[in-house]
Amino acid sequence: MSNESKSTPEYGRLRNFWQSKSESTTDGAPKSAVKPTGNGIESRTNGHSSSSSSSKTDGFNSRKSSMGDDITPAVSEFDQDILTSSLAEFLQAAEKLGGEVAEHGRLVQKAFNAQRNFLLTATKFAKPSDAEFQNLLTATANSITEIQQFRESRRSSPFFNHLSGVSESIPALAWVTVAPTPAPYIKEMNDAGQFYTNRVLKDFKDKPGHAEWAKSWVGTLTALQTHVRKHHTTGLVWGKLPMAGAPAGGPPPPPPPPAFEMPNLEDLQVSDDRAQLFAELRKGEDITKGLKKVTSEMQTHKNPTLRTAGVVPATGKAPVTNGQGPKAPVAKPPKLVLEGKKWVVEYQIGQKDLKIEQVELNQVIYIFGCKDSTLQIKGKLNSIVVDSCVKCAIVFDSLLASVEFVNCRDCQMQVMGTVPTITIDKVDGLQMYLNKDSLNVEIVSAKSSALNVMVPKADGDFAEHPVPEQFKTTIGQKGLITTATESV
């Protein structure tokens, strides 16, 4: 190994290796993404393998030797669940449409390669400094910017909705900077892009290939959301290996002298009591000389007055306190603001008259950390996410995609128009008021309880229908058969 390679950090070699895979060719066209295989990395463009397979295999083997072992299970599943499945389907559909859509797809491929490069480092090594963290994200950030600039420079294109559907949702790759719930963030970005992919489905319904393109892109981000929810539930999970190649700063400081440990008073007391016990046992027959004789007045069967006497409580020392109670949690400032195309509603406490008016179809609303508050939304928008809220209620007109409740308790929602999907995850108590236009809604729930669907009746009242919580599973010839139990 040369001196230059020794001075280069492991994560730097990883970044350089993968960035070289996504650089442009000599004619200016970007290379297609790399495809992980069992023996190395295979590059494909328009379905044809590159001729430099041996060099790529050597690069892959050198990367393995520098890492010390194979890639992490999380990155392996990233390859299997996204790169070689859903993303591969999207890229194939983009190549079939050709032109600007295919070129835009290759930029997407480059962005996912940059994400894989980052995950290779993050899941292997410990979290670096903030400056190095930003450096590791540079390739992904540049790819996202390149994708969005491609769309902005082609506003007159007949495929502008195709380009917009990707450009509006590609920021989902920034989930690595989101905590504690990155998966819902990916869904928000996916919903934002569906505003345009739904237009593609409508405007190109009679032309082959466009529906497959739109569905495969939505499926790619859905697969990414599932992967992140499984492996990075509360945020990016870093590895444990120290970053190699750190600059030498002299020998490490000597360890501090061992601190003097105070003896445990309880242990001393136990030792003294044990010594006293053995001293008493050594007295032999003289041990009973110190006992008091029980007279007839001390016996309950001879002195009835002792039976009515209460038990003398044992006296003990009051617990010692430091005079300081638990610290009250620091209240965060409430927030209701439009950030780009996302309304952010956070930390609203006891607010019963919150309103958001004049929303647009490509906007989303994210509600987090609110308590005992009510939000009314006027107009039709893309989607709503309610996260970690308690005793909150939302009233909205119509949604293009879905409303999602995550980690909530004792909440209510009412739809005045239509909503295609209601998603519920880890919720304890939710009342869902529907109207006659929203009876075709799909309700997907997991790890939740006390869910009730309020269906309107002819007299204007509501009929309450609880969502099943208990299920019975039997084994049939074709697999498992699960039904709700009658007790629910």
Foldseek 3Di string as FASTA:
>chain_A
DDPVVQLAWLLRLLLVLLLVQFDPDPVRQTFAAWADDPQFTWGDDLRDTDPPPVVRSVSRVVNCVSLPHDFDPLLVVCRVLFVVPLLVLLQNLQVVVDDLSNSLSRLLRQLVSLLSSLLSQFARAPDDDPVVVVVSCVSNVVSLVVLLVSLVVPVVDPCSLSSQLCNQLSCLSVLQVDFQASLVVSVLSNLLSVVSLVVQCVVCVVPPSSVSNSVSVSVNSVSVSVSCCVQRGGHRHGHHHHIRNDDDDDDDDDDDDDDDDDDDPVVVVVVVVVVVVVVLVVVPPCSCVPDDDDDLCNDCVNPVVVVPDDDDDDDDDDDDDPPDDDDDDDQDDFDFDCDPQETETERAEQAADAEDEDHDASHEYEYYHYENYEYEYEDEYAEYEHEQYENYEYEYEEHNEEYEYYNYEAYEYEYNAEGAEYEYECYEHYEYEYEPRHPNHYYHYDNYDNYWYWYADPVGGTDIDGDADAWDWDADPVGIDIDGDPVD
